[in-house]
Amino acid sequence: MNFAQPETTVIEIMPYRSHESTVPVVCRLASSGQPEPCVGYIYYVQSQLLDHSYWILPTPVNSEGNLNVSLTRVERLLNSLV
């Protein structure tokens, strides 16, 4: 991203745990009640500063901690961008 031309399209695959939330939760309080570092939107901020087009693809994490990215969803997103 750092060296890409302006107007580059960035697609971030954002993992989330579907049993905890229906959308990605990237900033929340730790179990101790203290805030945890919020790093989930670094690529968004960076893409805005570099004049890129940013898209997020929320993807649930399964019970084993793996992401199973739907290629159909990726294809639909890519087709909507052209």
N, C-alpha and C. Protein backbone atom coordinates (compact mmCIF):
# COMPACT_ATOMS: atom_id res chain seq x y z
N MET A 1 0.81 -1.19 0.00
CA MET A 1 0.00 0.00 0.00
C MET A 1 0.86 1.26 0.00
N ASN A 2 1.94 1.23 0.74
CA ASN A 2 2.75 2.44 0.87
C ASN A 2 3.25 2.96 -0.46
N PHE A 3 3.53 2.08 -1.40
CA PHE A 3 4.13 2.49 -2.65
C PHE A 3 3.18 2.40 -3.84
N ALA A 4 1.91 2.11 -3.57
CA ALA A 4 0.92 2.02 -4.64
C ALA A 4 0.52 3.42 -5.10
N GLN A 5 0.13 3.50 -6.35
CA GLN A 5 -0.32 4.76 -6.93
C GLN A 5 -1.60 5.23 -6.25
N PRO A 6 -1.85 6.56 -6.22
CA PRO A 6 -3.14 7.05 -5.74
C PRO A 6 -4.27 6.38 -6.53
N GLU A 7 -5.42 6.26 -5.89
CA GLU A 7 -6.61 5.64 -6.47
C GLU A 7 -6.51 4.12 -6.58
N THR A 8 -5.52 3.53 -5.93
CA THR A 8 -5.44 2.07 -5.85
C THR A 8 -6.60 1.57 -4.99
N THR A 9 -7.19 0.46 -5.37
CA THR A 9 -8.27 -0.14 -4.58
C THR A 9 -7.68 -1.09 -3.55
N VAL A 10 -8.05 -0.89 -2.30
CA VAL A 10 -7.59 -1.73 -1.19
C VAL A 10 -8.81 -2.47 -0.64
N ILE A 11 -8.72 -3.79 -0.56
CA ILE A 11 -9.79 -4.59 0.04
C ILE A 11 -9.21 -5.31 1.25
N GLU A 12 -9.74 -4.97 2.42
CA GLU A 12 -9.27 -5.61 3.66
C GLU A 12 -10.26 -6.69 4.07
N ILE A 13 -9.76 -7.88 4.30
CA ILE A 13 -10.58 -8.97 4.81
C ILE A 13 -10.51 -8.87 6.34
N MET A 14 -11.64 -8.46 6.94
CA MET A 14 -11.68 -8.18 8.38
C MET A 14 -12.32 -9.35 9.13
N PRO A 15 -11.54 -10.08 9.93
CA PRO A 15 -12.11 -11.21 10.69
C PRO A 15 -12.93 -10.73 11.88
N TYR A 16 -13.98 -11.48 12.18
CA TYR A 16 -14.74 -11.24 13.40
C TYR A 16 -15.35 -12.55 13.88
N ARG A 17 -15.67 -12.60 15.14
CA ARG A 17 -16.27 -13.79 15.73
C ARG A 17 -17.78 -13.61 15.73
N SER A 18 -18.46 -14.41 14.93
CA SER A 18 -19.90 -14.24 14.73
C SER A 18 -20.70 -14.47 16.01
N HIS A 19 -20.20 -15.28 16.96
CA HIS A 19 -20.94 -15.50 18.20
C HIS A 19 -20.85 -14.31 19.15
N GLU A 20 -19.91 -13.39 18.90
CA GLU A 20 -19.76 -12.22 19.75
C GLU A 20 -20.46 -11.00 19.17
N SER A 21 -20.56 -10.94 17.86
CA SER A 21 -21.08 -9.74 17.22
C SER A 21 -21.50 -10.08 15.80
N THR A 22 -22.36 -9.25 15.25
CA THR A 22 -22.75 -9.43 13.85
C THR A 22 -21.87 -8.60 12.92
N VAL A 23 -21.08 -7.72 13.47
CA VAL A 23 -20.14 -6.92 12.69
C VAL A 23 -18.78 -6.99 13.36
N PRO A 24 -17.72 -6.66 12.61
CA PRO A 24 -16.39 -6.70 13.25
C PRO A 24 -16.30 -5.73 14.43
N VAL A 25 -15.82 -6.23 15.53
CA VAL A 25 -15.58 -5.40 16.71
C VAL A 25 -14.07 -5.29 16.84
N VAL A 26 -13.55 -4.12 16.60
CA VAL A 26 -12.10 -3.98 16.61
C VAL A 26 -11.59 -3.14 17.78
N CYS A 27 -12.47 -2.40 18.43
CA CYS A 27 -12.09 -1.59 19.58
C CYS A 27 -13.06 -1.92 20.70
N ARG A 28 -12.57 -2.47 21.77
CA ARG A 28 -13.44 -2.80 22.89
C ARG A 28 -12.63 -2.82 24.17
N LEU A 29 -13.33 -2.89 25.28
CA LEU A 29 -12.66 -2.96 26.57
C LEU A 29 -12.22 -4.39 26.84
N ALA A 30 -11.06 -4.53 27.42
CA ALA A 30 -10.57 -5.85 27.83
C ALA A 30 -11.40 -6.33 29.00
N SER A 31 -11.28 -7.60 29.34
CA SER A 31 -12.05 -8.15 30.46
C SER A 31 -11.74 -7.42 31.77
N SER A 32 -10.58 -6.79 31.84
CA SER A 32 -10.22 -6.04 33.04
C SER A 32 -10.92 -4.68 33.09
N GLY A 33 -11.59 -4.32 32.00
CA GLY A 33 -12.25 -3.02 31.95
C GLY A 33 -11.37 -1.92 31.39
N GLN A 34 -10.13 -2.25 31.10
CA GLN A 34 -9.21 -1.28 30.52
C GLN A 34 -9.27 -1.34 29.00
N PRO A 35 -9.16 -0.22 28.33
CA PRO A 35 -9.20 -0.24 26.85
C PRO A 35 -8.02 -1.00 26.28
N GLU A 36 -8.28 -1.75 25.21
CA GLU A 36 -7.21 -2.43 24.47
C GLU A 36 -6.79 -1.54 23.31
N PRO A 37 -5.58 -1.72 22.80
CA PRO A 37 -5.18 -0.95 21.63
C PRO A 37 -6.14 -1.19 20.47
N CYS A 38 -6.45 -0.16 19.77
CA CYS A 38 -7.38 -0.25 18.64
C CYS A 38 -6.57 -0.17 17.35
N VAL A 39 -6.43 -1.30 16.67
CA VAL A 39 -5.61 -1.31 15.47
C VAL A 39 -6.41 -1.72 14.24
N GLY A 40 -7.68 -1.94 14.39
CA GLY A 40 -8.48 -2.51 13.31
C GLY A 40 -8.64 -1.65 12.08
N TYR A 41 -8.51 -0.35 12.21
CA TYR A 41 -8.76 0.50 11.05
C TYR A 41 -7.50 1.21 10.55
N ILE A 42 -6.36 0.63 10.82
CA ILE A 42 -5.11 1.23 10.35
C ILE A 42 -5.08 1.30 8.83
N TYR A 43 -5.50 0.23 8.16
CA TYR A 43 -5.47 0.23 6.70
C TYR A 43 -6.45 1.24 6.12
N TYR A 44 -7.58 1.43 6.80
CA TYR A 44 -8.54 2.44 6.33
C TYR A 44 -7.91 3.83 6.39
N VAL A 45 -7.35 4.17 7.53
CA VAL A 45 -6.74 5.50 7.70
C VAL A 45 -5.60 5.68 6.72
N GLN A 46 -4.75 4.67 6.59
CA GLN A 46 -3.63 4.76 5.66
C GLN A 46 -4.12 4.94 4.22
N SER A 47 -5.16 4.20 3.84
CA SER A 47 -5.66 4.32 2.47
C SER A 47 -6.23 5.71 2.22
N GLN A 48 -6.86 6.31 3.22
CA GLN A 48 -7.40 7.65 3.04
C GLN A 48 -6.27 8.67 2.88
N LEU A 49 -5.21 8.51 3.65
CA LEU A 49 -4.08 9.43 3.55
C LEU A 49 -3.36 9.30 2.21
N LEU A 50 -3.40 8.10 1.61
CA LEU A 50 -2.70 7.86 0.34
C LEU A 50 -3.62 8.00 -0.87
N ASP A 51 -4.84 8.46 -0.65
CA ASP A 51 -5.82 8.66 -1.73
C ASP A 51 -6.14 7.34 -2.45
N HIS A 52 -6.32 6.28 -1.65
CA HIS A 52 -6.74 4.99 -2.18
C HIS A 52 -8.23 4.81 -1.94
N SER A 53 -8.79 3.88 -2.65
CA SER A 53 -10.19 3.49 -2.46
C SER A 53 -10.18 2.27 -1.53
N TYR A 54 -10.85 2.38 -0.37
CA TYR A 54 -10.80 1.33 0.65
C TYR A 54 -12.14 0.63 0.75
N TRP A 55 -12.09 -0.69 0.81
CA TRP A 55 -13.28 -1.51 1.01
C TRP A 55 -12.97 -2.55 2.06
N ILE A 56 -13.97 -2.89 2.87
CA ILE A 56 -13.80 -3.89 3.91
C ILE A 56 -14.73 -5.07 3.59
N LEU A 57 -14.22 -6.27 3.80
CA LEU A 57 -15.00 -7.48 3.59
C LEU A 57 -15.03 -8.24 4.92
N PRO A 58 -16.07 -7.98 5.76
CA PRO A 58 -16.15 -8.69 7.04
C PRO A 58 -16.30 -10.19 6.80
N THR A 59 -15.50 -10.98 7.51
CA THR A 59 -15.50 -12.43 7.33
C THR A 59 -15.46 -13.10 8.69
N PRO A 60 -16.45 -13.96 8.98
CA PRO A 60 -16.46 -14.60 10.30
C PRO A 60 -15.33 -15.61 10.47
N VAL A 61 -14.86 -15.72 11.70
CA VAL A 61 -13.85 -16.70 12.08
C VAL A 61 -14.60 -17.93 12.58
N ASN A 62 -14.18 -19.12 12.14
CA ASN A 62 -14.87 -20.34 12.60
C ASN A 62 -14.38 -20.73 13.99
N SER A 63 -14.92 -21.81 14.52
CA SER A 63 -14.59 -22.24 15.89
C SER A 63 -13.13 -22.61 16.07
N GLU A 64 -12.43 -22.88 14.97
CA GLU A 64 -11.01 -23.23 15.04
C GLU A 64 -10.12 -22.01 14.82
N GLY A 65 -10.73 -20.83 14.65
CA GLY A 65 -9.96 -19.61 14.47
C GLY A 65 -9.53 -19.36 13.04
N ASN A 66 -10.14 -20.06 12.08
CA ASN A 66 -9.78 -19.91 10.68
C ASN A 66 -10.79 -19.04 9.94
N LEU A 67 -10.31 -18.37 8.91
CA LEU A 67 -11.18 -17.60 8.01
C LEU A 67 -11.48 -18.45 6.79
N ASN A 68 -12.73 -18.46 6.39
CA ASN A 68 -13.12 -19.10 5.14
C ASN A 68 -13.73 -18.02 4.27
N VAL A 69 -12.91 -17.44 3.41
CA VAL A 69 -13.35 -16.32 2.59
C VAL A 69 -14.18 -16.84 1.43
N SER A 70 -15.37 -16.28 1.28
CA SER A 70 -16.25 -16.66 0.18
C SER A 70 -15.76 -15.99 -1.10
N LEU A 71 -15.32 -16.80 -2.05
CA LEU A 71 -14.85 -16.24 -3.31
C LEU A 71 -16.00 -15.58 -4.08
N THR A 72 -17.21 -16.04 -3.85
CA THR A 72 -18.38 -15.41 -4.48
C THR A 72 -18.53 -13.98 -3.99
N ARG A 73 -18.37 -13.77 -2.68
CA ARG A 73 -18.45 -12.40 -2.13
C ARG A 73 -17.33 -11.53 -2.66
N VAL A 74 -16.12 -12.08 -2.76
CA VAL A 74 -15.00 -11.32 -3.29
C VAL A 74 -15.28 -10.96 -4.75
N GLU A 75 -15.76 -11.91 -5.52
CA GLU A 75 -16.07 -11.65 -6.94
C GLU A 75 -17.15 -10.59 -7.09
N ARG A 76 -18.18 -10.66 -6.25
CA ARG A 76 -19.25 -9.63 -6.31
C ARG A 76 -18.69 -8.25 -5.99
N LEU A 77 -17.83 -8.18 -4.97
CA LEU A 77 -17.23 -6.90 -4.62
C LEU A 77 -16.38 -6.38 -5.76
N LEU A 78 -15.53 -7.22 -6.33
CA LEU A 78 -14.68 -6.80 -7.44
C LEU A 78 -15.52 -6.36 -8.64
N ASN A 79 -16.59 -7.09 -8.94
CA ASN A 79 -17.45 -6.72 -10.07
C ASN A 79 -18.14 -5.39 -9.83
N SER A 80 -18.47 -5.09 -8.59
CA SER A 80 -19.13 -3.81 -8.30
C SER A 80 -18.16 -2.63 -8.42
N LEU A 81 -16.86 -2.91 -8.38
CA LEU A 81 -15.87 -1.84 -8.45
C LEU A 81 -15.46 -1.48 -9.87
N VAL A 82 -15.79 -2.32 -10.83
CA VAL A 82 -15.40 -2.03 -12.22
C VAL A 82 -16.52 -1.42 -13.00
